Amino acid sequence: MANYRLSNSADEDFENIFIYGVRRFGLRQAEQYAEGLEARFEQIAELPSLYPAADHIKPGYRLSVYISHTIYYRADEHEV
């Protein structure tokens, strides 16, 4: 498994997405969505060039859309 690390801001966003999901859709759905996001993070770490460049946002970044959220990331030789 490849390594990925969420920035402090992304980690906070992830928590807020989960909390919102629990309040709006219930615990089960929020857990499923969070698991799906985590699976996407792992996929990005394994295949970082799978998704398109987002140089128009910030040079060196890529993006992946997961249902209602867009994940912006950058990869180096050791982690995403």
N, C-alpha and C. Protein backbone atom coordinates (compact mmCIF):
# COMPACT_ATOMS: atom_id res chain seq x y z
N MET A 1 0.84 -1.18 0.00
CA MET A 1 0.00 0.00 0.00
C MET A 1 0.88 1.24 0.00
N ALA A 2 0.55 2.18 -0.82
CA ALA A 2 1.28 3.45 -0.90
C ALA A 2 0.88 4.35 0.27
N ASN A 3 1.69 5.35 0.52
CA ASN A 3 1.44 6.25 1.64
C ASN A 3 0.70 7.50 1.18
N TYR A 4 -0.22 7.93 2.02
CA TYR A 4 -0.83 9.24 1.81
C TYR A 4 -0.96 9.92 3.17
N ARG A 5 -0.99 11.22 3.13
CA ARG A 5 -1.10 12.02 4.34
C ARG A 5 -2.05 13.17 4.06
N LEU A 6 -3.03 13.35 4.92
CA LEU A 6 -3.94 14.48 4.78
C LEU A 6 -3.33 15.69 5.46
N SER A 7 -3.45 16.84 4.84
CA SER A 7 -3.03 18.08 5.49
C SER A 7 -3.97 18.33 6.67
N ASN A 8 -3.58 19.22 7.56
CA ASN A 8 -4.44 19.55 8.70
C ASN A 8 -5.80 20.03 8.21
N SER A 9 -5.79 20.87 7.20
CA SER A 9 -7.03 21.40 6.64
C SER A 9 -7.89 20.29 6.04
N ALA A 10 -7.27 19.38 5.30
CA ALA A 10 -8.02 18.27 4.69
C ALA A 10 -8.57 17.33 5.76
N ASP A 11 -7.80 17.11 6.82
CA ASP A 11 -8.26 16.26 7.91
C ASP A 11 -9.48 16.88 8.59
N GLU A 12 -9.43 18.18 8.79
CA GLU A 12 -10.57 18.89 9.38
C GLU A 12 -11.78 18.83 8.44
N ASP A 13 -11.55 19.00 7.14
CA ASP A 13 -12.64 18.88 6.17
C ASP A 13 -13.27 17.49 6.22
N PHE A 14 -12.43 16.47 6.31
CA PHE A 14 -12.91 15.09 6.36
C PHE A 14 -13.81 14.89 7.58
N GLU A 15 -13.39 15.39 8.72
CA GLU A 15 -14.20 15.29 9.94
C GLU A 15 -15.53 16.02 9.77
N ASN A 16 -15.47 17.21 9.19
CA ASN A 16 -16.70 17.99 9.00
C ASN A 16 -17.65 17.33 8.00
N ILE A 17 -17.10 16.71 6.98
CA ILE A 17 -17.93 15.97 6.03
C ILE A 17 -18.65 14.83 6.74
N PHE A 18 -17.92 14.14 7.61
CA PHE A 18 -18.52 13.03 8.36
C PHE A 18 -19.62 13.53 9.29
N ILE A 19 -19.35 14.57 10.04
CA ILE A 19 -20.34 15.13 10.97
C ILE A 19 -21.59 15.58 10.21
N TYR A 20 -21.38 16.29 9.11
CA TYR A 20 -22.51 16.73 8.29
C TYR A 20 -23.30 15.52 7.79
N GLY A 21 -22.59 14.50 7.35
CA GLY A 21 -23.24 13.30 6.85
C GLY A 21 -24.09 12.61 7.90
N VAL A 22 -23.58 12.54 9.12
CA VAL A 22 -24.35 11.93 10.21
C VAL A 22 -25.63 12.72 10.45
N ARG A 23 -25.50 14.03 10.53
CA ARG A 23 -26.67 14.89 10.80
C ARG A 23 -27.69 14.85 9.67
N ARG A 24 -27.21 14.83 8.46
CA ARG A 24 -28.10 14.93 7.30
C ARG A 24 -28.63 13.58 6.82
N PHE A 25 -27.78 12.54 6.88
CA PHE A 25 -28.14 11.26 6.27
C PHE A 25 -28.13 10.07 7.23
N GLY A 26 -27.62 10.26 8.44
CA GLY A 26 -27.55 9.17 9.41
C GLY A 26 -26.16 8.56 9.46
N LEU A 27 -25.92 7.86 10.57
CA LEU A 27 -24.59 7.29 10.84
C LEU A 27 -24.16 6.29 9.77
N ARG A 28 -25.04 5.39 9.41
CA ARG A 28 -24.65 4.35 8.44
C ARG A 28 -24.21 4.95 7.11
N GLN A 29 -24.98 5.89 6.59
CA GLN A 29 -24.63 6.51 5.31
C GLN A 29 -23.35 7.32 5.42
N ALA A 30 -23.18 8.03 6.54
CA ALA A 30 -21.96 8.82 6.74
C ALA A 30 -20.74 7.91 6.80
N GLU A 31 -20.87 6.77 7.45
CA GLU A 31 -19.75 5.82 7.51
C GLU A 31 -19.42 5.27 6.13
N GLN A 32 -20.44 4.96 5.35
CA GLN A 32 -20.20 4.44 4.00
C GLN A 32 -19.50 5.49 3.13
N TYR A 33 -19.93 6.73 3.25
CA TYR A 33 -19.32 7.80 2.46
C TYR A 33 -17.86 8.00 2.88
N ALA A 34 -17.61 8.00 4.19
CA ALA A 34 -16.25 8.16 4.71
C ALA A 34 -15.36 7.01 4.24
N GLU A 35 -15.88 5.80 4.27
CA GLU A 35 -15.11 4.64 3.80
C GLU A 35 -14.80 4.77 2.31
N GLY A 36 -15.75 5.28 1.55
CA GLY A 36 -15.52 5.50 0.12
C GLY A 36 -14.45 6.55 -0.13
N LEU A 37 -14.48 7.63 0.65
CA LEU A 37 -13.43 8.65 0.52
C LEU A 37 -12.07 8.06 0.87
N GLU A 38 -12.01 7.28 1.95
CA GLU A 38 -10.73 6.67 2.33
C GLU A 38 -10.24 5.71 1.25
N ALA A 39 -11.14 4.96 0.65
CA ALA A 39 -10.75 4.07 -0.45
C ALA A 39 -10.20 4.88 -1.62
N ARG A 40 -10.81 6.04 -1.90
CA ARG A 40 -10.32 6.90 -2.97
C ARG A 40 -8.93 7.43 -2.62
N PHE A 41 -8.71 7.82 -1.36
CA PHE A 41 -7.38 8.28 -0.94
C PHE A 41 -6.34 7.20 -1.21
N GLU A 42 -6.68 5.96 -0.87
CA GLU A 42 -5.76 4.85 -1.08
C GLU A 42 -5.51 4.62 -2.57
N GLN A 43 -6.55 4.73 -3.37
CA GLN A 43 -6.39 4.57 -4.82
C GLN A 43 -5.48 5.66 -5.38
N ILE A 44 -5.68 6.88 -4.94
CA ILE A 44 -4.83 7.99 -5.38
C ILE A 44 -3.38 7.73 -5.00
N ALA A 45 -3.17 7.23 -3.78
CA ALA A 45 -1.81 6.94 -3.33
C ALA A 45 -1.15 5.86 -4.19
N GLU A 46 -1.93 4.86 -4.59
CA GLU A 46 -1.41 3.77 -5.42
C GLU A 46 -1.15 4.22 -6.86
N LEU A 47 -2.04 5.05 -7.39
CA LEU A 47 -1.97 5.48 -8.80
C LEU A 47 -2.16 6.99 -8.90
N PRO A 48 -1.22 7.77 -8.42
CA PRO A 48 -1.42 9.22 -8.36
C PRO A 48 -1.62 9.89 -9.72
N SER A 49 -1.13 9.31 -10.79
CA SER A 49 -1.29 9.94 -12.10
C SER A 49 -2.60 9.53 -12.79
N LEU A 50 -3.43 8.75 -12.12
CA LEU A 50 -4.70 8.30 -12.69
C LEU A 50 -5.66 9.46 -12.97
N TYR A 51 -5.60 10.49 -12.15
CA TYR A 51 -6.54 11.61 -12.26
C TYR A 51 -5.87 12.82 -12.90
N PRO A 52 -6.68 13.72 -13.45
CA PRO A 52 -6.12 14.83 -14.23
C PRO A 52 -5.39 15.89 -13.41
N ALA A 53 -4.49 16.56 -14.08
CA ALA A 53 -3.77 17.68 -13.47
C ALA A 53 -4.74 18.82 -13.18
N ALA A 54 -4.44 19.56 -12.14
CA ALA A 54 -5.25 20.72 -11.76
C ALA A 54 -4.35 21.95 -11.70
N ASP A 55 -3.48 22.06 -12.71
CA ASP A 55 -2.53 23.18 -12.73
C ASP A 55 -3.24 24.54 -12.77
N HIS A 56 -4.48 24.56 -13.25
CA HIS A 56 -5.24 25.81 -13.27
C HIS A 56 -5.62 26.25 -11.84
N ILE A 57 -5.61 25.31 -10.91
CA ILE A 57 -5.87 25.62 -9.50
C ILE A 57 -4.56 25.96 -8.80
N LYS A 58 -3.59 25.04 -8.94
CA LYS A 58 -2.27 25.24 -8.35
C LYS A 58 -1.30 24.31 -9.08
N PRO A 59 -0.20 24.84 -9.59
CA PRO A 59 0.76 24.01 -10.33
C PRO A 59 1.21 22.80 -9.50
N GLY A 60 1.24 21.65 -10.15
CA GLY A 60 1.70 20.42 -9.51
C GLY A 60 0.60 19.63 -8.83
N TYR A 61 -0.61 20.16 -8.79
CA TYR A 61 -1.72 19.47 -8.14
C TYR A 61 -2.55 18.70 -9.16
N ARG A 62 -3.26 17.68 -8.65
CA ARG A 62 -4.19 16.89 -9.45
C ARG A 62 -5.52 16.90 -8.71
N LEU A 63 -6.56 16.41 -9.38
CA LEU A 63 -7.86 16.36 -8.71
C LEU A 63 -8.60 15.09 -9.03
N SER A 64 -9.40 14.67 -8.07
CA SER A 64 -10.27 13.51 -8.23
C SER A 64 -11.62 13.87 -7.63
N VAL A 65 -12.68 13.65 -8.39
CA VAL A 65 -14.03 13.92 -7.88
C VAL A 65 -14.57 12.62 -7.29
N TYR A 66 -15.03 12.71 -6.05
CA TYR A 66 -15.69 11.58 -5.40
C TYR A 66 -17.10 12.02 -5.01
N ILE A 67 -18.08 11.57 -5.70
CA ILE A 67 -19.50 11.88 -5.51
C ILE A 67 -19.71 13.39 -5.40
N SER A 68 -19.77 13.94 -4.19
CA SER A 68 -20.06 15.37 -4.01
C SER A 68 -18.84 16.20 -3.65
N HIS A 69 -17.68 15.59 -3.62
CA HIS A 69 -16.48 16.31 -3.19
C HIS A 69 -15.34 16.16 -4.19
N THR A 70 -14.53 17.18 -4.26
CA THR A 70 -13.34 17.15 -5.11
C THR A 70 -12.12 17.07 -4.21
N ILE A 71 -11.26 16.12 -4.50
CA ILE A 71 -10.03 15.92 -3.75
C ILE A 71 -8.90 16.52 -4.57
N TYR A 72 -8.19 17.48 -4.00
CA TYR A 72 -7.01 18.06 -4.63
C TYR A 72 -5.79 17.48 -3.93
N TYR A 73 -4.81 17.06 -4.72
CA TYR A 73 -3.64 16.43 -4.12
C TYR A 73 -2.40 16.67 -4.97
N ARG A 74 -1.27 16.43 -4.34
CA ARG A 74 0.00 16.44 -5.06
C ARG A 74 0.79 15.22 -4.59
N ALA A 75 1.60 14.72 -5.46
CA ALA A 75 2.36 13.51 -5.16
C ALA A 75 3.84 13.78 -5.35
N ASP A 76 4.63 13.16 -4.48
CA ASP A 76 6.07 13.12 -4.71
C ASP A 76 6.48 11.66 -4.73
N GLU A 77 7.75 11.38 -4.72
CA GLU A 77 8.18 9.99 -4.87
C GLU A 77 7.91 9.14 -3.63
N HIS A 78 7.57 9.77 -2.49
CA HIS A 78 7.38 9.01 -1.25
C HIS A 78 5.94 8.95 -0.76
N GLU A 79 5.16 9.98 -1.02
CA GLU A 79 3.78 9.98 -0.54
C GLU A 79 2.93 10.96 -1.33
N VAL A 80 1.64 10.82 -1.11
CA VAL A 80 0.65 11.72 -1.71
C VAL A 80 0.08 12.55 -0.59
